[in-house]
Amino acid sequence: WYSVYTFQCRRMARFVHGRAIFAGDSAHLVSPFGARGC
Protein backbone atom coordinates (compact mmCIF):
# COMPACT_ATOMS: atom_id res chain seq x y z
CA TRP A 1 0.00 0.00 0.00
CA TYR A 2 1.35 3.43 -0.97
CA SER A 3 -0.34 6.67 0.13
CA VAL A 4 0.47 10.31 0.89
CA TYR A 5 -0.99 12.18 3.83
CA THR A 6 -0.98 15.65 5.37
CA PHE A 7 -1.93 15.70 9.01
CA GLN A 8 -3.75 17.95 11.42
CA CYS A 9 -3.94 18.63 15.14
CA ARG A 10 -7.55 19.67 15.77
CA ARG A 11 -10.43 19.08 18.15
CA MET A 12 -14.00 20.08 18.87
CA ALA A 13 -14.57 22.74 21.52
CA ARG A 14 -16.79 20.27 23.41
CA PHE A 15 -17.29 16.50 23.12
CA VAL A 16 -20.73 16.37 24.79
CA HIS A 17 -23.62 18.20 23.11
CA GLY A 18 -26.75 17.27 25.00
CA ARG A 19 -27.67 13.74 23.95
CA ALA A 20 -24.97 13.59 21.25
CA ILE A 21 -21.50 12.51 22.41
CA PHE A 22 -18.32 12.45 20.34
CA ALA A 23 -15.33 10.11 20.64
CA GLY A 24 -12.21 9.27 18.63
CA ASP A 25 -11.42 11.02 15.36
CA SER A 26 -14.89 12.55 15.19
CA ALA A 27 -13.86 14.62 18.24
CA HIS A 28 -10.12 15.15 17.75
CA LEU A 29 -7.27 14.61 15.30
CA VAL A 30 -3.50 14.36 15.80
CA SER A 31 -0.49 13.59 13.64
CA PRO A 32 0.46 9.89 13.44
CA PHE A 33 3.82 10.50 15.13
CA GLY A 34 3.48 9.15 18.64
CA ALA A 35 0.60 6.76 17.83
CA ARG A 36 -1.91 8.98 19.61
CA GLY A 37 -4.84 8.73 17.18
CA CYS A 38 -6.54 5.37 17.72
PDB file of all heavy atoms in Angstrom:
ATOM      1  N   TRP A   1       0.850  -1.186   0.000  1.00  0.00           N
ATOM      2  CA  TRP A   1       0.000   0.000   0.000  1.00  0.00           C
ATOM      3  C   TRP A   1       0.887   1.238   0.000  1.00  0.00           C
ATOM      4  O   TRP A   1       1.789   1.352   0.824  1.00  0.00           O
ATOM      5  CB  TRP A   1      -0.887   0.009   1.244  1.00  0.00           C
ATOM      6  CG  TRP A   1      -1.856   1.151   1.306  1.00  0.00           C
ATOM      7  CD1 TRP A   1      -1.663   2.373   1.889  1.00  0.00           C
ATOM      8  CD2 TRP A   1      -3.172   1.180   0.754  1.00  0.00           C
ATOM      9  NE1 TRP A   1      -2.770   3.158   1.743  1.00  0.00           N
ATOM     10  CE2 TRP A   1      -3.723   2.455   1.045  1.00  0.00           C
ATOM     11  CE3 TRP A   1      -3.948   0.262   0.051  1.00  0.00           C
ATOM     12  CZ2 TRP A   1      -5.007   2.823   0.663  1.00  0.00           C
ATOM     13  CZ3 TRP A   1      -5.223   0.643  -0.337  1.00  0.00           C
ATOM     14  CH2 TRP A   1      -5.740   1.895  -0.031  1.00  0.00           C
ATOM     15  N   TYR A   2       0.645   2.158  -0.939  1.00  0.00           N
ATOM     16  CA  TYR A   2       1.349   3.433  -0.975  1.00  0.00           C
ATOM     17  C   TYR A   2       0.316   4.556  -0.860  1.00  0.00           C
ATOM     18  O   TYR A   2      -0.693   4.541  -1.569  1.00  0.00           O
ATOM     19  CB  TYR A   2       2.125   3.626  -2.283  1.00  0.00           C
ATOM     20  CG  TYR A   2       3.262   2.646  -2.524  1.00  0.00           C
ATOM     21  CD1 TYR A   2       3.832   2.524  -3.794  1.00  0.00           C
ATOM     22  CD2 TYR A   2       3.789   1.869  -1.498  1.00  0.00           C
ATOM     23  CE1 TYR A   2       4.872   1.655  -4.046  1.00  0.00           C
ATOM     24  CE2 TYR A   2       4.835   0.986  -1.734  1.00  0.00           C
ATOM     25  CZ  TYR A   2       5.369   0.871  -3.011  1.00  0.00           C
ATOM     26  OH  TYR A   2       6.402   0.005  -3.255  1.00  0.00           O
ATOM     27  N   SER A   3       0.570   5.529   0.005  1.00  0.00           N
ATOM     28  CA  SER A   3      -0.345   6.668   0.131  1.00  0.00           C
ATOM     29  C   SER A   3       0.421   7.863   0.678  1.00  0.00           C
ATOM     30  O   SER A   3       1.452   7.718   1.345  1.00  0.00           O
ATOM     31  CB  SER A   3      -1.530   6.331   1.038  1.00  0.00           C
ATOM     32  OG  SER A   3      -1.089   6.013   2.342  1.00  0.00           O
ATOM     33  N   VAL A   4      -0.105   9.062   0.400  1.00  0.00           N
ATOM     34  CA  VAL A   4       0.465  10.308   0.891  1.00  0.00           C
ATOM     35  C   VAL A   4      -0.546  10.972   1.812  1.00  0.00           C
ATOM     36  O   VAL A   4      -1.746  10.977   1.523  1.00  0.00           O
ATOM     37  CB  VAL A   4       0.821  11.254  -0.277  1.00  0.00           C
ATOM     38  CG1 VAL A   4       1.243  12.627   0.246  1.00  0.00           C
ATOM     39  CG2 VAL A   4       1.951  10.658  -1.110  1.00  0.00           C
ATOM     40  N   TYR A   5      -0.075  11.521   2.914  1.00  0.00           N
ATOM     41  CA  TYR A   5      -0.993  12.184   3.832  1.00  0.00           C
ATOM     42  C   TYR A   5      -0.401  13.502   4.323  1.00  0.00           C
ATOM     43  O   TYR A   5       0.815  13.683   4.381  1.00  0.00           O
ATOM     44  CB  TYR A   5      -1.346  11.286   5.021  1.00  0.00           C
ATOM     45  CG  TYR A   5      -0.170  10.968   5.929  1.00  0.00           C
ATOM     46  CD1 TYR A   5       0.135  11.775   7.021  1.00  0.00           C
ATOM     47  CD2 TYR A   5       0.621   9.853   5.691  1.00  0.00           C
ATOM     48  CE1 TYR A   5       1.203  11.478   7.846  1.00  0.00           C
ATOM     49  CE2 TYR A   5       1.702   9.547   6.511  1.00  0.00           C
ATOM     50  CZ  TYR A   5       1.985  10.367   7.587  1.00  0.00           C
ATOM     51  OH  TYR A   5       3.053  10.095   8.399  1.00  0.00           O
ATOM     52  N   THR A   6      -1.282  14.424   4.646  1.00  0.00           N
ATOM     53  CA  THR A   6      -0.976  15.654   5.365  1.00  0.00           C
ATOM     54  C   THR A   6      -1.798  15.623   6.641  1.00  0.00           C
ATOM     55  O   THR A   6      -2.977  15.297   6.601  1.00  0.00           O
ATOM     56  CB  THR A   6      -1.360  16.894   4.545  1.00  0.00           C
ATOM     57  OG1 THR A   6      -0.625  16.887   3.335  1.00  0.00           O
ATOM     58  CG2 THR A   6      -1.044  18.175   5.311  1.00  0.00           C
ATOM     59  N   PHE A   7      -1.188  15.922   7.768  1.00  0.00           N
ATOM     60  CA  PHE A   7      -1.927  15.704   9.006  1.00  0.00           C
ATOM     61  C   PHE A   7      -2.298  16.999   9.706  1.00  0.00           C
ATOM     62  O   PHE A   7      -1.831  18.083   9.369  1.00  0.00           O
ATOM     63  CB  PHE A   7      -1.158  14.787   9.960  1.00  0.00           C
ATOM     64  CG  PHE A   7       0.280  15.176  10.154  1.00  0.00           C
ATOM     65  CD1 PHE A   7       0.628  16.171  11.016  1.00  0.00           C
ATOM     66  CD2 PHE A   7       1.278  14.508   9.455  1.00  0.00           C
ATOM     67  CE1 PHE A   7       1.942  16.519  11.204  1.00  0.00           C
ATOM     68  CE2 PHE A   7       2.603  14.850   9.635  1.00  0.00           C
ATOM     69  CZ  PHE A   7       2.940  15.855  10.511  1.00  0.00           C
ATOM     70  N   GLN A   8      -3.167  16.826  10.698  1.00  0.00           N
ATOM     71  CA  GLN A   8      -3.749  17.948  11.416  1.00  0.00           C
ATOM     72  C   GLN A   8      -3.708  17.672  12.921  1.00  0.00           C
ATOM     73  O   GLN A   8      -3.666  16.523  13.344  1.00  0.00           O
ATOM     74  CB  GLN A   8      -5.210  18.134  11.006  1.00  0.00           C
ATOM     75  CG  GLN A   8      -5.471  18.151   9.523  1.00  0.00           C
ATOM     76  CD  GLN A   8      -6.945  18.034   9.202  1.00  0.00           C
ATOM     77  OE1 GLN A   8      -7.801  18.502   9.949  1.00  0.00           O
ATOM     78  NE2 GLN A   8      -7.255  17.397   8.091  1.00  0.00           N
ATOM     79  N   CYS A   9      -3.738  18.730  13.691  1.00  0.00           N
ATOM     80  CA  CYS A   9      -3.945  18.629  15.135  1.00  0.00           C
ATOM     81  C   CYS A   9      -5.143  19.528  15.454  1.00  0.00           C
ATOM     82  O   CYS A   9      -5.011  20.766  15.540  1.00  0.00           O
ATOM     83  CB  CYS A   9      -2.703  19.080  15.902  1.00  0.00           C
ATOM     84  SG  CYS A   9      -1.334  17.904  15.832  1.00  0.00           S
ATOM     85  N   ARG A  10      -6.312  18.918  15.618  1.00  0.00           N
ATOM     86  CA  ARG A  10      -7.553  19.672  15.770  1.00  0.00           C
ATOM     87  C   ARG A  10      -8.469  18.957  16.756  1.00  0.00           C
ATOM     88  O   ARG A  10      -8.338  17.749  16.970  1.00  0.00           O
ATOM     89  CB  ARG A  10      -8.275  19.796  14.424  1.00  0.00           C
ATOM     90  CG  ARG A  10      -7.430  20.321  13.293  1.00  0.00           C
ATOM     91  CD  ARG A  10      -8.158  20.260  11.963  1.00  0.00           C
ATOM     92  NE  ARG A  10      -9.268  21.202  11.907  1.00  0.00           N
ATOM     93  CZ  ARG A  10     -10.167  21.214  10.923  1.00  0.00           C
ATOM     94  NH1 ARG A  10     -10.118  20.331   9.952  1.00  0.00           N
ATOM     95  NH2 ARG A  10     -11.133  22.107  10.937  1.00  0.00           N
ATOM     96  N   ARG A  11      -9.403  19.706  17.324  1.00  0.00           N
ATOM     97  CA  ARG A  11     -10.428  19.080  18.151  1.00  0.00           C
ATOM     98  C   ARG A  11     -11.672  19.951  18.196  1.00  0.00           C
ATOM     99  O   ARG A  11     -11.639  21.152  17.875  1.00  0.00           O
ATOM    100  CB  ARG A  11      -9.927  18.803  19.564  1.00  0.00           C
ATOM    101  CG  ARG A  11      -9.770  20.027  20.462  1.00  0.00           C
ATOM    102  CD  ARG A  11      -9.678  19.591  21.904  1.00  0.00           C
ATOM    103  NE  ARG A  11      -9.338  20.647  22.842  1.00  0.00           N
ATOM    104  CZ  ARG A  11     -10.208  21.481  23.404  1.00  0.00           C
ATOM    105  NH1 ARG A  11     -11.493  21.412  23.085  1.00  0.00           N
ATOM    106  NH2 ARG A  11      -9.808  22.390  24.281  1.00  0.00           N
ATOM    107  N   MET A  12     -12.784  19.342  18.605  1.00  0.00           N
ATOM    108  CA  MET A  12     -14.002  20.084  18.874  1.00  0.00           C
ATOM    109  C   MET A  12     -13.835  20.883  20.163  1.00  0.00           C
ATOM    110  O   MET A  12     -13.045  20.518  21.040  1.00  0.00           O
ATOM    111  CB  MET A  12     -15.183  19.125  19.020  1.00  0.00           C
ATOM    112  CG  MET A  12     -15.468  18.286  17.794  1.00  0.00           C
ATOM    113  SD  MET A  12     -16.797  17.082  18.094  1.00  0.00           S
ATOM    114  CE  MET A  12     -18.215  18.171  18.313  1.00  0.00           C
ATOM    115  N   ALA A  13     -14.606  21.958  20.283  1.00  0.00           N
ATOM    116  CA  ALA A  13     -14.565  22.742  21.516  1.00  0.00           C
ATOM    117  C   ALA A  13     -15.150  21.954  22.682  1.00  0.00           C
ATOM    118  O   ALA A  13     -14.683  22.058  23.825  1.00  0.00           O
ATOM    119  CB  ALA A  13     -15.321  24.054  21.336  1.00  0.00           C
ATOM    120  N   ARG A  14     -16.176  21.138  22.411  1.00  0.00           N
ATOM    121  CA  ARG A  14     -16.790  20.272  23.408  1.00  0.00           C
ATOM    122  C   ARG A  14     -17.050  18.908  22.782  1.00  0.00           C
ATOM    123  O   ARG A  14     -17.301  18.819  21.583  1.00  0.00           O
ATOM    124  CB  ARG A  14     -18.123  20.853  23.905  1.00  0.00           C
ATOM    125  CG  ARG A  14     -18.014  22.069  24.785  1.00  0.00           C
ATOM    126  CD  ARG A  14     -19.399  22.516  25.270  1.00  0.00           C
ATOM    127  NE  ARG A  14     -20.140  21.406  25.885  1.00  0.00           N
ATOM    128  CZ  ARG A  14     -19.984  20.987  27.140  1.00  0.00           C
ATOM    129  NH1 ARG A  14     -19.107  21.582  27.919  1.00  0.00           N
ATOM    130  NH2 ARG A  14     -20.695  19.989  27.611  1.00  0.00           N
ATOM    131  N   PHE A  15     -17.024  17.855  23.611  1.00  0.00           N
ATOM    132  CA  PHE A  15     -17.290  16.505  23.122  1.00  0.00           C
ATOM    133  C   PHE A  15     -18.690  16.023  23.480  1.00  0.00           C
ATOM    134  O   PHE A  15     -19.151  15.015  22.950  1.00  0.00           O
ATOM    135  CB  PHE A  15     -16.267  15.511  23.679  1.00  0.00           C
ATOM    136  CG  PHE A  15     -14.846  15.769  23.259  1.00  0.00           C
ATOM    137  CD1 PHE A  15     -13.816  15.011  23.796  1.00  0.00           C
ATOM    138  CD2 PHE A  15     -14.525  16.747  22.341  1.00  0.00           C
ATOM    139  CE1 PHE A  15     -12.508  15.222  23.416  1.00  0.00           C
ATOM    140  CE2 PHE A  15     -13.216  16.982  21.952  1.00  0.00           C
ATOM    141  CZ  PHE A  15     -12.205  16.217  22.502  1.00  0.00           C
ATOM    142  N   VAL A  16     -19.368  16.722  24.397  1.00  0.00           N
ATOM    143  CA  VAL A  16     -20.731  16.366  24.791  1.00  0.00           C
ATOM    144  C   VAL A  16     -21.653  17.514  24.405  1.00  0.00           C
ATOM    145  O   VAL A  16     -21.456  18.660  24.838  1.00  0.00           O
ATOM    146  CB  VAL A  16     -20.834  16.094  26.308  1.00  0.00           C
ATOM    147  CG1 VAL A  16     -22.278  15.810  26.692  1.00  0.00           C
ATOM    148  CG2 VAL A  16     -19.933  14.919  26.714  1.00  0.00           C
ATOM    149  N   HIS A  17     -22.635  17.207  23.557  1.00  0.00           N
ATOM    150  CA  HIS A  17     -23.616  18.196  23.114  1.00  0.00           C
ATOM    151  C   HIS A  17     -25.006  17.631  23.384  1.00  0.00           C
ATOM    152  O   HIS A  17     -25.615  16.999  22.526  1.00  0.00           O
ATOM    153  CB  HIS A  17     -23.428  18.506  21.632  1.00  0.00           C
ATOM    154  CG  HIS A  17     -22.168  19.254  21.336  1.00  0.00           C
ATOM    155  ND1 HIS A  17     -22.118  20.619  21.228  1.00  0.00           N
ATOM    156  CD2 HIS A  17     -20.894  18.802  21.175  1.00  0.00           C
ATOM    157  CE1 HIS A  17     -20.868  20.995  20.984  1.00  0.00           C
ATOM    158  NE2 HIS A  17     -20.114  19.911  20.949  1.00  0.00           N
ATOM    159  N   GLY A  18     -25.466  17.830  24.617  1.00  0.00           N
ATOM    160  CA  GLY A  18     -26.754  17.267  24.999  1.00  0.00           C
ATOM    161  C   GLY A  18     -26.721  15.754  24.912  1.00  0.00           C
ATOM    162  O   GLY A  18     -25.902  15.096  25.552  1.00  0.00           O
ATOM    163  N   ARG A  19     -27.594  15.194  24.080  1.00  0.00           N
ATOM    164  CA  ARG A  19     -27.675  13.742  23.952  1.00  0.00           C
ATOM    165  C   ARG A  19     -26.770  13.186  22.832  1.00  0.00           C
ATOM    166  O   ARG A  19     -26.842  12.001  22.525  1.00  0.00           O
ATOM    167  CB  ARG A  19     -29.124  13.339  23.698  1.00  0.00           C
ATOM    168  CG  ARG A  19     -30.047  13.592  24.893  1.00  0.00           C
ATOM    169  CD  ARG A  19     -29.567  12.816  26.120  1.00  0.00           C
ATOM    170  NE  ARG A  19     -30.424  12.955  27.269  1.00  0.00           N
ATOM    171  CZ  ARG A  19     -31.356  12.062  27.632  1.00  0.00           C
ATOM    172  NH1 ARG A  19     -31.542  10.982  26.894  1.00  0.00           N
ATOM    173  NH2 ARG A  19     -32.088  12.268  28.701  1.00  0.00           N
ATOM    174  N   ALA A  20     -25.947  14.045  22.244  1.00  0.00           N
ATOM    175  CA  ALA A  20     -24.975  13.592  21.245  1.00  0.00           C
ATOM    176  C   ALA A  20     -23.574  13.697  21.847  1.00  0.00           C
ATOM    177  O   ALA A  20     -23.177  14.758  22.337  1.00  0.00           O
ATOM    178  CB  ALA A  20     -25.074  14.424  19.976  1.00  0.00           C
ATOM    179  N   ILE A  21     -22.829  12.584  21.809  1.00  0.00           N
ATOM    180  CA  ILE A  21     -21.503  12.510  22.410  1.00  0.00           C
ATOM    181  C   ILE A  21     -20.511  12.108  21.323  1.00  0.00           C
ATOM    182  O   ILE A  21     -20.803  11.251  20.481  1.00  0.00           O
ATOM    183  CB  ILE A  21     -21.482  11.470  23.552  1.00  0.00           C
ATOM    184  CG1 ILE A  21     -22.579  11.797  24.576  1.00  0.00           C
ATOM    185  CG2 ILE A  21     -20.123  11.431  24.222  1.00  0.00           C
ATOM    186  CD1 ILE A  21     -22.759  10.706  25.625  1.00  0.00           C
ATOM    187  N   PHE A  22     -19.323  12.704  21.366  1.00  0.00           N
ATOM    188  CA  PHE A  22     -18.320  12.455  20.342  1.00  0.00           C
ATOM    189  C   PHE A  22     -17.089  11.784  20.956  1.00  0.00           C
ATOM    190  O   PHE A  22     -16.673  12.122  22.062  1.00  0.00           O
ATOM    191  CB  PHE A  22     -17.924  13.761  19.657  1.00  0.00           C
ATOM    192  CG  PHE A  22     -19.046  14.359  18.850  1.00  0.00           C
ATOM    193  CD1 PHE A  22     -20.061  15.084  19.474  1.00  0.00           C
ATOM    194  CD2 PHE A  22     -19.100  14.174  17.482  1.00  0.00           C
ATOM    195  CE1 PHE A  22     -21.105  15.618  18.736  1.00  0.00           C
ATOM    196  CE2 PHE A  22     -20.146  14.702  16.738  1.00  0.00           C
ATOM    197  CZ  PHE A  22     -21.144  15.423  17.361  1.00  0.00           C
ATOM    198  N   ALA A  23     -16.518  10.834  20.186  1.00  0.00           N
ATOM    199  CA  ALA A  23     -15.330  10.115  20.643  1.00  0.00           C
ATOM    200  C   ALA A  23     -14.450   9.777  19.446  1.00  0.00           C
ATOM    201  O   ALA A  23     -14.924   9.621  18.324  1.00  0.00           O
ATOM    202  CB  ALA A  23     -15.727   8.836  21.380  1.00  0.00           C
ATOM    203  N   GLY A  24     -13.150   9.642  19.696  1.00  0.00           N
ATOM    204  CA  GLY A  24     -12.214   9.273  18.630  1.00  0.00           C
ATOM    205  C   GLY A  24     -12.010  10.395  17.633  1.00  0.00           C
ATOM    206  O   GLY A  24     -12.101  11.582  17.971  1.00  0.00           O
ATOM    207  N   ASP A  25     -11.741  10.018  16.379  1.00  0.00           N
ATOM    208  CA  ASP A  25     -11.418  11.015  15.362  1.00  0.00           C
ATOM    209  C   ASP A  25     -12.565  11.964  15.054  1.00  0.00           C
ATOM    210  O   ASP A  25     -12.340  13.029  14.482  1.00  0.00           O
ATOM    211  CB  ASP A  25     -10.992  10.319  14.058  1.00  0.00           C
ATOM    212  CG  ASP A  25      -9.594   9.748  14.129  1.00  0.00           C
ATOM    213  OD1 ASP A  25      -8.902   9.990  15.133  1.00  0.00           O
ATOM    214  OD2 ASP A  25      -9.178   9.057  13.174  1.00  0.00           O
ATOM    215  N   SER A  26     -13.784  11.604  15.390  1.00  0.00           N
ATOM    216  CA  SER A  26     -14.890  12.550  15.190  1.00  0.00           C
ATOM    217  C   SER A  26     -14.755  13.747  16.123  1.00  0.00           C
ATOM    218  O   SER A  26     -15.283  14.827  15.842  1.00  0.00           O
ATOM    219  CB  SER A  26     -16.239  11.865  15.416  1.00  0.00           C
ATOM    220  OG  SER A  26     -16.431  11.568  16.783  1.00  0.00           O
ATOM    221  N   ALA A  27     -14.018  13.564  17.242  1.00  0.00           N
ATOM    222  CA  ALA A  27     -13.857  14.623  18.238  1.00  0.00           C
ATOM    223  C   ALA A  27     -12.506  15.315  18.175  1.00  0.00           C
ATOM    224  O   ALA A  27     -12.385  16.487  18.519  1.00  0.00           O
ATOM    225  CB  ALA A  27     -14.059  14.052  19.647  1.00  0.00           C
ATOM    226  N   HIS A  28     -11.473  14.585  17.723  1.00  0.00           N
ATOM    227  CA  HIS A  28     -10.116  15.148  17.752  1.00  0.00           C
ATOM    228  C   HIS A  28      -9.220  14.431  16.754  1.00  0.00           C
ATOM    229  O   HIS A  28      -9.406  13.257  16.453  1.00  0.00           O
ATOM    230  CB  HIS A  28      -9.507  15.036  19.157  1.00  0.00           C
ATOM    231  CG  HIS A  28      -9.674  13.680  19.776  1.00  0.00           C
ATOM    232  ND1 HIS A  28      -8.925  12.577  19.416  1.00  0.00           N
ATOM    233  CD2 HIS A  28     -10.528  13.234  20.734  1.00  0.00           C
ATOM    234  CE1 HIS A  28      -9.302  11.526  20.130  1.00  0.00           C
ATOM    235  NE2 HIS A  28     -10.290  11.895  20.927  1.00  0.00           N
ATOM    236  N   LEU A  29      -8.230  15.163  16.241  1.00  0.00           N
ATOM    237  CA  LEU A  29      -7.272  14.612  15.296  1.00  0.00           C
ATOM    238  C   LEU A  29      -5.866  14.999  15.727  1.00  0.00           C
ATOM    239  O   LEU A  29      -5.629  16.110  16.201  1.00  0.00           O
ATOM    240  CB  LEU A  29      -7.518  15.158  13.881  1.00  0.00           C
ATOM    241  CG  LEU A  29      -8.764  14.679  13.154  1.00  0.00           C
ATOM    242  CD1 LEU A  29      -8.926  15.452  11.846  1.00  0.00           C
ATOM    243  CD2 LEU A  29      -8.688  13.186  12.868  1.00  0.00           C
ATOM    244  N   VAL A  30      -4.914  14.080  15.528  1.00  0.00           N
ATOM    245  CA  VAL A  30      -3.502  14.361  15.800  1.00  0.00           C
ATOM    246  C   VAL A  30      -2.663  13.792  14.666  1.00  0.00           C
ATOM    247  O   VAL A  30      -3.144  13.000  13.850  1.00  0.00           O
ATOM    248  CB  VAL A  30      -3.036  13.745  17.143  1.00  0.00           C
ATOM    249  CG1 VAL A  30      -3.723  14.415  18.310  1.00  0.00           C
ATOM    250  CG2 VAL A  30      -3.285  12.233  17.174  1.00  0.00           C
ATOM    251  N   SER A  31      -1.398  14.184  14.615  1.00  0.00           N
ATOM    252  CA  SER A  31      -0.494  13.590  13.635  1.00  0.00           C
ATOM    253  C   SER A  31      -0.216  12.147  14.036  1.00  0.00           C
ATOM    254  O   SER A  31      -0.386  11.767  15.205  1.00  0.00           O
ATOM    255  CB  SER A  31       0.819  14.378  13.583  1.00  0.00           C
ATOM    256  OG  SER A  31       1.664  13.997  14.655  1.00  0.00           O
ATOM    257  N   PRO A  32       0.222  11.298  13.092  1.00  0.00           N
ATOM    258  CA  PRO A  32       0.464   9.893  13.438  1.00  0.00           C
ATOM    259  C   PRO A  32       1.725   9.679  14.260  1.00  0.00           C
ATOM    260  O   PRO A  32       1.916   8.594  14.807  1.00  0.00           O
ATOM    261  CB  PRO A  32       0.596   9.218  12.057  1.00  0.00           C
ATOM    262  CG  PRO A  32       1.039  10.308  11.150  1.00  0.00           C
ATOM    263  CD  PRO A  32       0.391  11.561  11.657  1.00  0.00           C
ATOM    264  N   PHE A  33       2.589  10.680  14.371  1.00  0.00           N
ATOM    265  CA  PHE A  33       3.819  10.498  15.130  1.00  0.00           C
ATOM    266  C   PHE A  33       3.521  10.473  16.621  1.00  0.00           C
ATOM    267  O   PHE A  33       3.050  11.444  17.199  1.00  0.00           O
ATOM    268  CB  PHE A  33       4.820  11.600  14.777  1.00  0.00           C
ATOM    269  CG  PHE A  33       5.278  11.534  13.355  1.00  0.00           C
ATOM    270  CD1 PHE A  33       4.811  12.420  12.414  1.00  0.00           C
ATOM    271  CD2 PHE A  33       6.148  10.532  12.952  1.00  0.00           C
ATOM    272  CE1 PHE A  33       5.224  12.339  11.098  1.00  0.00           C
ATOM    273  CE2 PHE A  33       6.557  10.436  11.631  1.00  0.00           C
ATOM    274  CZ  PHE A  33       6.098  11.339  10.698  1.00  0.00           C
ATOM    275  N   GLY A  34       3.793   9.348  17.242  1.00  0.00           N
ATOM    276  CA  GLY A  34       3.476   9.147  18.643  1.00  0.00           C
ATOM    277  C   GLY A  34       2.328   8.191  18.855  1.00  0.00           C
ATOM    278  O   GLY A  34       2.001   7.838  19.980  1.00  0.00           O
ATOM    279  N   ALA A  35       1.684   7.762  17.762  1.00  0.00           N
ATOM    280  CA  ALA A  35       0.605   6.763  17.835  1.00  0.00           C
ATOM    281  C   ALA A  35      -0.486   7.196  18.798  1.00  0.00           C
ATOM    282  O   ALA A  35      -0.954   6.423  19.625  1.00  0.00           O
ATOM    283  CB  ALA A  35       1.182   5.391  18.233  1.00  0.00           C
ATOM    284  N   ARG A  36      -0.943   8.437  18.677  1.00  0.00           N
ATOM    285  CA  ARG A  36      -1.915   8.982  19.613  1.00  0.00           C
ATOM    286  C   ARG A  36      -3.327   9.031  19.050  1.00  0.00           C
ATOM    287  O   ARG A  36      -4.246   9.448  19.750  1.00  0.00           O
ATOM    288  CB  ARG A  36      -1.466  10.378  20.062  1.00  0.00           C
ATOM    289  CG  ARG A  36      -0.193  10.341  20.868  1.00  0.00           C
ATOM    290  CD  ARG A  36       0.355  11.729  21.186  1.00  0.00           C
ATOM    291  NE  ARG A  36       1.574  11.622  21.979  1.00  0.00           N
ATOM    292  CZ  ARG A  36       1.599  11.548  23.311  1.00  0.00           C
ATOM    293  NH1 ARG A  36       0.471  11.580  23.995  1.00  0.00           N
ATOM    294  NH2 ARG A  36       2.733  11.442  23.956  1.00  0.00           N
ATOM    295  N   GLY A  37      -3.523   8.644  17.799  1.00  0.00           N
ATOM    296  CA  GLY A  37      -4.837   8.728  17.184  1.00  0.00           C
ATOM    297  C   GLY A  37      -5.800   7.683  17.706  1.00  0.00           C
ATOM    298  O   GLY A  37      -6.689   7.970  18.516  1.00  0.00           O
ATOM    299  N   CYS A  38      -5.642   6.440  17.269  1.00  0.00           N
ATOM    300  CA  CYS A  38      -6.536   5.375  17.715  1.00  0.00           C
ATOM    301  C   CYS A  38      -6.386   5.110  19.209  1.00  0.00           C
ATOM    302  O   CYS A  38      -7.371   4.824  19.892  1.00  0.00           O
ATOM    303  CB  CYS A  38      -6.268   4.102  16.912  1.00  0.00           C
ATOM    304  SG  CYS A  38      -7.547   2.846  17.113  1.00  0.00           S
TER     305      CYS A  38
END
